[in-house]
Amino acid sequence: MVVTKSEMVAAIRKVKSVIPKISTIPALMGALVNDGYLIATNTEISIQVKLEAGAGEKFILPSKALDMICNLPDGNVKIECGDKDVITISAGRIKNKIHSVPVEEFAYDDIRNVSEENATIDAEKFLRAISRVAFAADAKSSNRLMTGIYLEGVDDGLKMAALDGHRIARIKIPATGVEGMKLIIPKQACEILSSLDLHGKIDLSYDNYAAVFCNEDSVVYTRLISGEYFNTDQMFRDSPIRATIDRKEFSNALTRANMCINSEKSKVPVVLDISRYEMEVSIINSTNDYKEVVQLAEDINTPIRIGFNPKLINEALKYFSDDEVCIELTTPKMPMFVSETNTDLRVLILPVNIAA
């Protein structure tokens, strides 16, 4: 096949994140060109992206071949599979032969065969919402449920949630035909979907074990995380102390306070002292006594002093889009809730104990 380097590199970048560096199946450490598509899998997640130049072709590109293609000069690249699965890559005055493996050894699930239930969702709204909650999932957690993003279809839309034991993020988007859906998607699969920059509609098919997200140009197959997800609805509630604050000013104050923390392992929290129209952000440790006052948009009648890990708040603030956010508090031992007006995103963050 003859393909432009730019087209080939774009396809490789979309699939490379799931190619395992080490595998008991050597074929899976490369990508399969299969009749107009480039496919990669780690057996848990598979990605299939359109590669029109590969129509009628079927061979495996080993990882070294993928790296070689990405480092070729711009222009056309000729890729051929000859006898004994030898891949020949030619570009201008460059020619390289790389040994591959038989295509029969590339074992992956037929990613279009999950069809027990189906739904069609708006790609941009779905991916934007996924990216706004995925940060709260912990891909390295020993609790499998915390490594994924929960999707639940309700009468008027699709709810999404993620948590890691210190924070919970949830959001809801309008959607139809999703009633009864309850899926836990691995965080890596959600990150892959977000990286594909899909537009238009996504056809989602699923059963009890796997889900397939199909778009005009890409298909992503993922195994599902089994189990009953946490009831996050009961964890969110209205709080008596409400304040509106400039999101950027709040974030900048937390960033400066975080600079005063002596080490990554330090357990000294940032203290938020809220009273009337002001929030004092402070941190006191062996080397710093930092204080900064941030103005609130309204008068707070009930003062409160509460501690947090500033990184948890700051990371959450990145995924809000309004200039101002609303924070809700109850007591120094209860969570803080962060929300905004223009979206349904809401984040719960647990506090840290502070000295009296």
Protein backbone atom coordinates (compact mmCIF):
# COMPACT_ATOMS: atom_id res chain seq x y z
CA MET A 1 0.00 0.00 0.00
CA VAL A 2 1.06 3.60 -0.59
CA VAL A 3 0.05 6.13 2.05
CA THR A 4 1.12 9.63 3.02
CA LYS A 5 3.24 9.78 6.14
CA SER A 6 0.82 12.25 7.75
CA GLU A 7 -2.17 9.91 7.29
CA MET A 8 -0.25 6.92 8.60
CA VAL A 9 1.16 8.76 11.60
CA ALA A 10 -2.28 10.10 12.52
CA ALA A 11 -3.66 6.55 12.56
CA ILE A 12 -0.68 5.20 14.53
CA ARG A 13 -1.03 7.89 17.20
CA LYS A 14 -4.68 6.99 17.71
CA VAL A 15 -4.03 3.30 18.32
CA LYS A 16 -0.59 3.30 19.94
CA SER A 17 -1.83 3.92 23.49
CA VAL A 18 -3.23 0.38 23.75
CA ILE A 19 -0.28 -1.46 22.20
CA PRO A 20 1.39 -3.39 25.05
CA LYS A 21 5.16 -3.07 25.40
CA ILE A 22 5.35 -6.62 26.73
CA SER A 23 2.94 -9.43 25.83
CA THR A 24 2.87 -13.20 25.75
CA ILE A 25 1.40 -12.75 22.25
CA PRO A 26 4.15 -10.99 20.20
CA ALA A 27 1.69 -10.04 17.45
CA LEU A 28 -0.17 -7.75 19.84
CA MET A 29 2.96 -5.61 20.30
CA GLY A 30 2.25 -4.22 16.85
CA ALA A 31 -0.75 -3.01 14.85
CA LEU A 32 -2.83 -4.91 12.31
CA VAL A 33 -3.59 -3.41 8.90
CA ASN A 34 -6.87 -5.04 7.96
CA ASP A 35 -8.79 -4.04 4.84
CA GLY A 36 -8.86 -0.28 5.29
CA TYR A 37 -8.38 -0.13 9.06
CA LEU A 38 -5.49 -0.02 11.52
CA ILE A 39 -6.21 -2.08 14.64
CA ALA A 40 -4.46 -2.40 17.99
CA THR A 41 -5.43 -4.25 21.16
CA ASN A 42 -4.21 -5.18 24.62
CA THR A 43 -7.02 -7.79 24.92
CA GLU A 44 -8.95 -5.53 27.30
CA ILE A 45 -9.32 -2.58 24.91
CA SER A 46 -9.21 -2.57 21.11
CA ILE A 47 -9.07 0.42 18.75
CA GLN A 48 -9.89 0.36 15.07
CA VAL A 49 -9.30 3.51 13.01
CA LYS A 50 -9.95 4.10 9.34
CA LEU A 51 -6.92 3.82 7.04
CA GLU A 52 -8.26 4.07 3.49
CA ALA A 53 -4.89 3.34 1.90
CA GLY A 54 -4.96 -0.09 3.55
CA ALA A 55 -8.06 -1.30 1.68
CA GLY A 56 -7.56 -4.91 0.61
CA GLU A 57 -4.39 -5.28 2.71
CA LYS A 58 -3.83 -7.54 5.72
CA PHE A 59 -0.55 -7.67 7.65
CA ILE A 60 0.96 -6.79 11.03
CA LEU A 61 3.24 -3.79 11.54
CA PRO A 62 5.60 -4.55 14.46
CA SER A 63 6.31 -1.77 16.96
CA LYS A 64 9.69 -1.05 15.33
CA ALA A 65 7.95 -0.55 11.99
CA LEU A 66 5.51 1.89 13.59
CA ASP A 67 8.39 3.85 15.11
CA MET A 68 10.23 3.85 11.78
CA ILE A 69 7.21 5.22 9.90
CA CYS A 70 6.77 8.03 12.43
CA ASN A 71 10.39 9.09 11.89
CA LEU A 72 10.39 9.08 8.09
CA PRO A 73 10.56 12.32 6.11
CA ASP A 74 7.28 13.82 4.90
CA GLY A 75 5.79 12.41 1.71
CA ASN A 76 4.51 9.07 0.49
CA VAL A 77 5.40 5.82 2.24
CA LYS A 78 5.17 2.44 0.53
CA ILE A 79 4.49 -0.52 2.82
CA GLU A 80 4.49 -4.07 1.49
CA CYS A 81 4.22 -7.49 3.10
CA GLY A 82 6.24 -10.17 1.29
CA ASP A 83 7.12 -13.80 1.81
CA LYS A 84 7.60 -15.07 5.36
CA ASP A 85 5.84 -11.97 6.71
CA VAL A 86 8.66 -9.58 5.89
CA ILE A 87 7.47 -5.96 5.89
CA THR A 88 9.22 -3.60 3.46
CA ILE A 89 8.98 0.12 4.16
CA SER A 90 10.12 2.51 1.42
CA ALA A 91 10.22 6.31 1.37
CA GLY A 92 12.37 8.14 -1.17
CA ARG A 93 15.93 6.85 -0.78
CA ILE A 94 15.02 4.93 2.40
CA LYS A 95 14.21 1.23 2.35
CA ASN A 96 13.95 -1.08 5.34
CA LYS A 97 12.85 -4.68 5.78
CA ILE A 98 11.44 -5.79 9.12
CA HIS A 99 10.36 -9.28 10.11
CA SER A 100 6.76 -9.52 11.28
CA VAL A 101 4.48 -12.38 12.35
CA PRO A 102 1.50 -14.09 10.67
CA VAL A 103 -1.79 -12.18 10.90
CA GLU A 104 -3.44 -15.28 12.37
CA GLU A 105 -1.52 -14.63 15.58
CA PHE A 106 -3.18 -11.25 16.07
CA ALA A 107 -5.96 -12.37 18.40
CA TYR A 108 -8.62 -9.81 19.26
CA ASP A 109 -12.34 -9.80 19.88
CA ASP A 110 -14.58 -9.02 16.94
CA ILE A 111 -15.29 -5.52 18.12
CA ARG A 112 -18.52 -5.13 16.17
CA ASN A 113 -20.24 -8.20 17.67
CA VAL A 114 -21.46 -6.62 20.93
CA SER A 115 -25.08 -5.86 20.13
CA GLU A 116 -27.37 -6.87 22.98
CA GLU A 117 -28.28 -3.23 23.69
CA ASN A 118 -27.80 -0.12 21.55
CA ALA A 119 -27.90 3.66 21.95
CA THR A 120 -26.88 6.66 19.85
CA ILE A 121 -25.33 9.66 21.62
CA ASP A 122 -23.89 13.02 20.61
CA ALA A 123 -20.12 12.52 20.35
CA GLU A 124 -18.98 15.99 21.41
CA LYS A 125 -21.32 16.27 24.41
CA PHE A 126 -20.47 12.75 25.53
CA LEU A 127 -16.70 13.13 25.26
CA ARG A 128 -16.72 16.57 26.90
CA ALA A 129 -18.69 15.15 29.84
CA ILE A 130 -16.45 12.08 30.12
CA SER A 131 -13.34 14.26 30.26
CA ARG A 132 -14.87 16.34 33.06
CA VAL A 133 -15.38 13.41 35.42
CA ALA A 134 -12.61 10.98 34.45
CA PHE A 135 -10.02 12.89 36.52
CA ALA A 136 -11.68 11.62 39.70
CA ALA A 137 -11.20 7.94 38.80
CA ASP A 138 -8.05 6.20 40.05
CA ALA A 139 -6.71 3.81 37.41
CA LYS A 140 -4.24 2.35 39.96
CA SER A 141 -6.76 1.70 42.74
CA SER A 142 -7.00 -1.78 44.24
CA ASN A 143 -10.78 -1.28 44.18
CA ARG A 144 -11.76 -2.09 40.59
CA LEU A 145 -14.90 0.04 40.75
CA MET A 146 -12.77 3.14 41.38
CA THR A 147 -10.74 2.53 38.21
CA GLY A 148 -13.66 3.28 35.92
CA ILE A 149 -16.31 5.82 34.97
CA TYR A 150 -19.92 4.90 35.67
CA LEU A 151 -22.59 5.53 33.02
CA GLU A 152 -26.25 5.31 33.98
CA GLY A 153 -29.13 5.98 31.63
CA VAL A 154 -32.18 7.70 33.11
CA ASP A 155 -35.42 9.02 31.61
CA ASP A 156 -34.04 12.44 30.71
CA GLY A 157 -30.38 11.77 30.07
CA LEU A 158 -27.12 10.02 30.81
CA LYS A 159 -25.47 10.34 34.22
CA MET A 160 -21.71 9.86 34.64
CA ALA A 161 -19.69 9.53 37.83
CA ALA A 162 -16.16 8.75 38.98
CA LEU A 163 -14.47 8.63 42.39
CA ASP A 164 -11.22 7.70 44.09
CA GLY A 165 -12.00 7.74 47.81
CA HIS A 166 -11.09 11.43 48.22
CA ARG A 167 -13.41 13.05 45.69
CA ILE A 168 -16.39 12.32 43.48
CA ALA A 169 -17.22 13.97 40.17
CA ARG A 170 -20.57 13.58 38.46
CA ILE A 171 -22.37 15.14 35.52
CA LYS A 172 -25.49 14.55 33.44
CA ILE A 173 -26.05 15.23 29.74
CA PRO A 174 -29.22 15.08 27.63
CA ALA A 175 -29.60 11.73 25.85
CA THR A 176 -32.37 9.49 24.57
CA GLY A 177 -32.59 5.74 24.24
CA VAL A 178 -30.27 5.11 27.20
CA GLU A 179 -32.85 4.11 29.80
CA GLY A 180 -31.67 1.15 31.89
CA MET A 181 -28.01 1.49 30.87
CA LYS A 182 -25.57 0.77 33.71
CA LEU A 183 -21.94 0.46 32.58
CA ILE A 184 -18.55 0.91 34.26
CA ILE A 185 -16.03 1.88 31.59
CA PRO A 186 -12.28 1.59 32.39
CA LYS A 187 -10.59 4.98 32.71
CA GLN A 188 -8.08 4.13 29.98
CA ALA A 189 -10.89 3.44 27.52
CA CYS A 190 -12.46 6.81 28.35
CA GLU A 191 -9.13 8.57 27.86
CA ILE A 192 -8.71 6.87 24.50
CA LEU A 193 -12.19 7.95 23.40
CA SER A 194 -11.41 11.54 24.37
CA SER A 195 -8.13 11.49 22.42
CA LEU A 196 -9.82 10.43 19.18
CA ASP A 197 -11.55 13.82 18.74
CA LEU A 198 -14.79 12.25 17.47
CA HIS A 199 -17.60 14.30 15.96
CA GLY A 200 -21.21 13.66 14.99
CA LYS A 201 -22.82 10.62 16.59
CA ILE A 202 -21.46 7.65 18.49
CA ASP A 203 -23.29 4.33 18.24
CA LEU A 204 -22.89 2.56 21.58
CA SER A 205 -23.63 -1.16 21.79
CA TYR A 206 -23.08 -3.19 24.93
CA ASP A 207 -23.85 -6.34 26.86
CA ASN A 208 -22.93 -7.51 30.36
CA TYR A 209 -19.25 -7.90 29.51
CA ALA A 210 -18.19 -5.34 26.90
CA ALA A 211 -19.10 -2.11 25.15
CA VAL A 212 -18.36 -0.82 21.65
CA PHE A 213 -18.23 2.88 20.72
CA CYS A 214 -18.57 3.18 16.96
CA ASN A 215 -18.09 6.33 14.91
CA GLU A 216 -17.69 6.92 11.18
CA ASP A 217 -13.89 6.85 11.48
CA SER A 218 -13.14 4.85 14.63
CA VAL A 219 -14.32 1.92 16.71
CA VAL A 220 -13.32 1.37 20.35
CA TYR A 221 -14.05 -1.93 22.08
CA THR A 222 -13.61 -2.25 25.84
CA ARG A 223 -14.24 -4.88 28.45
CA LEU A 224 -16.50 -3.60 31.21
CA ILE A 225 -15.72 -3.50 34.92
CA SER A 226 -18.12 -5.81 36.72
CA GLY A 227 -19.87 -5.03 39.96
CA GLU A 228 -22.49 -2.72 41.43
CA TYR A 229 -21.31 0.89 41.46
CA PHE A 230 -21.48 3.16 44.48
CA ASN A 231 -24.69 5.10 45.08
CA THR A 232 -23.22 8.54 44.46
CA ASP A 233 -26.65 10.22 44.48
CA GLN A 234 -26.95 9.81 48.24
CA MET A 235 -23.50 11.36 48.74
CA PHE A 236 -24.53 14.70 47.24
CA ARG A 237 -26.79 16.98 49.24
CA ASP A 238 -27.57 20.64 49.70
CA SER A 239 -25.40 22.45 52.23
CA PRO A 240 -26.28 25.49 54.38
CA ILE A 241 -23.09 27.47 53.64
CA ARG A 242 -22.90 28.62 50.04
CA ALA A 243 -20.38 30.98 48.48
CA THR A 244 -19.65 32.10 44.93
CA ILE A 245 -16.01 32.70 44.10
CA ASP A 246 -13.95 33.62 41.05
CA ARG A 247 -12.62 30.30 39.77
CA LYS A 248 -9.28 31.61 38.49
CA GLU A 249 -8.53 33.64 41.63
CA PHE A 250 -9.38 30.64 43.83
CA SER A 251 -7.18 28.35 41.74
CA ASN A 252 -4.25 30.78 41.73
CA ALA A 253 -4.42 31.18 45.51
CA LEU A 254 -4.40 27.39 45.97
CA THR A 255 -1.46 27.07 43.57
CA ARG A 256 0.59 29.60 45.54
CA ALA A 257 -0.31 27.95 48.82
CA ASN A 258 0.66 24.56 47.42
CA MET A 259 4.11 25.94 46.58
CA CYS A 260 4.66 26.31 50.32
CA ILE A 261 4.20 22.59 50.98
CA ASN A 262 7.60 21.13 51.82
CA SER A 263 7.26 17.76 50.09
CA GLU A 264 4.88 15.53 48.15
CA LYS A 265 4.37 13.43 51.28
CA SER A 266 3.51 16.38 53.52
CA LYS A 267 0.15 16.06 55.24
CA VAL A 268 -0.10 19.73 56.22
CA PRO A 269 -3.37 20.95 54.67
CA VAL A 270 -4.29 24.28 53.18
CA VAL A 271 -6.80 25.97 55.48
CA LEU A 272 -9.82 27.85 54.12
CA ASP A 273 -11.12 30.37 56.66
CA ILE A 274 -14.43 31.71 55.34
CA SER A 275 -16.22 34.63 56.93
CA ARG A 276 -18.47 37.38 55.55
CA TYR A 277 -17.18 38.44 52.11
CA GLU A 278 -13.75 36.83 52.37
CA MET A 279 -11.97 33.51 52.18
CA GLU A 280 -8.49 33.38 53.70
CA VAL A 281 -6.29 30.70 52.13
CA SER A 282 -3.41 29.80 54.44
CA ILE A 283 -0.76 27.22 55.18
CA ILE A 284 1.62 27.09 58.12
CA ASN A 285 4.52 24.65 58.34
CA SER A 286 8.15 24.60 59.46
CA THR A 287 9.28 26.92 56.66
CA ASN A 288 6.23 28.95 55.64
CA ASP A 289 3.43 31.05 57.09
CA TYR A 290 1.40 31.85 53.98
CA LYS A 291 -1.89 33.79 53.90
CA GLU A 292 -3.93 35.17 51.02
CA VAL A 293 -7.43 36.67 51.01
CA VAL A 294 -9.83 35.94 48.14
CA GLN A 295 -13.04 37.94 47.83
CA LEU A 296 -16.44 36.20 47.76
CA ALA A 297 -19.41 37.38 45.71
CA GLU A 298 -21.81 37.43 48.66
CA ASP A 299 -21.90 37.71 52.43
CA ILE A 300 -21.49 34.42 54.33
CA ASN A 301 -23.42 34.56 57.60
CA THR A 302 -21.98 31.34 59.05
CA PRO A 303 -18.17 31.37 59.30
CA ILE A 304 -16.27 28.12 58.79
CA ARG A 305 -12.65 27.00 59.02
CA ILE A 306 -11.82 23.84 57.05
CA GLY A 307 -8.72 22.09 55.65
CA PHE A 308 -8.12 20.47 52.25
CA ASN A 309 -5.45 18.98 50.05
CA PRO A 310 -5.09 21.91 47.59
CA LYS A 311 -4.23 19.63 44.67
CA LEU A 312 -7.61 17.90 44.88
CA ILE A 313 -9.48 21.20 44.64
CA ASN A 314 -7.25 22.66 41.96
CA GLU A 315 -7.51 19.63 39.71
CA ALA A 316 -11.29 19.75 39.95
CA LEU A 317 -11.40 23.47 39.13
CA LYS A 318 -9.70 22.79 35.76
CA TYR A 319 -12.80 20.99 34.51
CA PHE A 320 -15.27 23.78 35.22
CA SER A 321 -15.88 26.32 32.46
CA ASP A 322 -17.68 29.20 34.20
CA ASP A 323 -15.73 32.21 35.47
CA GLU A 324 -17.27 31.65 38.89
CA VAL A 325 -17.95 28.47 40.84
CA CYS A 326 -20.22 27.83 43.80
CA ILE A 327 -18.79 26.09 46.85
CA GLU A 328 -21.05 24.52 49.47
CA LEU A 329 -20.01 23.54 53.00
CA THR A 330 -21.65 22.22 56.16
CA THR A 331 -19.04 21.57 58.89
CA PRO A 332 -15.25 21.14 59.00
CA LYS A 333 -15.77 17.37 58.99
CA MET A 334 -18.12 17.27 55.99
CA PRO A 335 -17.28 17.41 52.25
CA MET A 336 -17.13 20.51 50.09
CA PHE A 337 -19.29 20.55 46.96
CA VAL A 338 -18.21 22.54 43.91
CA SER A 339 -20.60 23.37 41.05
CA GLU A 340 -21.29 25.94 38.33
CA THR A 341 -24.31 27.45 36.61
CA ASN A 342 -23.85 26.49 32.96
CA THR A 343 -23.29 22.74 33.33
CA ASP A 344 -24.50 19.94 35.57
CA LEU A 345 -20.96 19.16 36.76
CA ARG A 346 -20.69 18.76 40.51
CA VAL A 347 -17.63 17.65 42.49
CA LEU A 348 -17.43 16.41 46.09
CA ILE A 349 -14.08 16.80 47.89
CA LEU A 350 -13.36 15.37 51.32
CA PRO A 351 -11.68 17.66 53.91
CA VAL A 352 -8.49 17.07 55.89
CA ASN A 353 -8.33 17.35 59.68
CA ILE A 354 -6.74 20.56 60.94
CA ALA A 355 -5.48 21.60 64.36
CA ALA A 356 -7.97 23.50 66.47
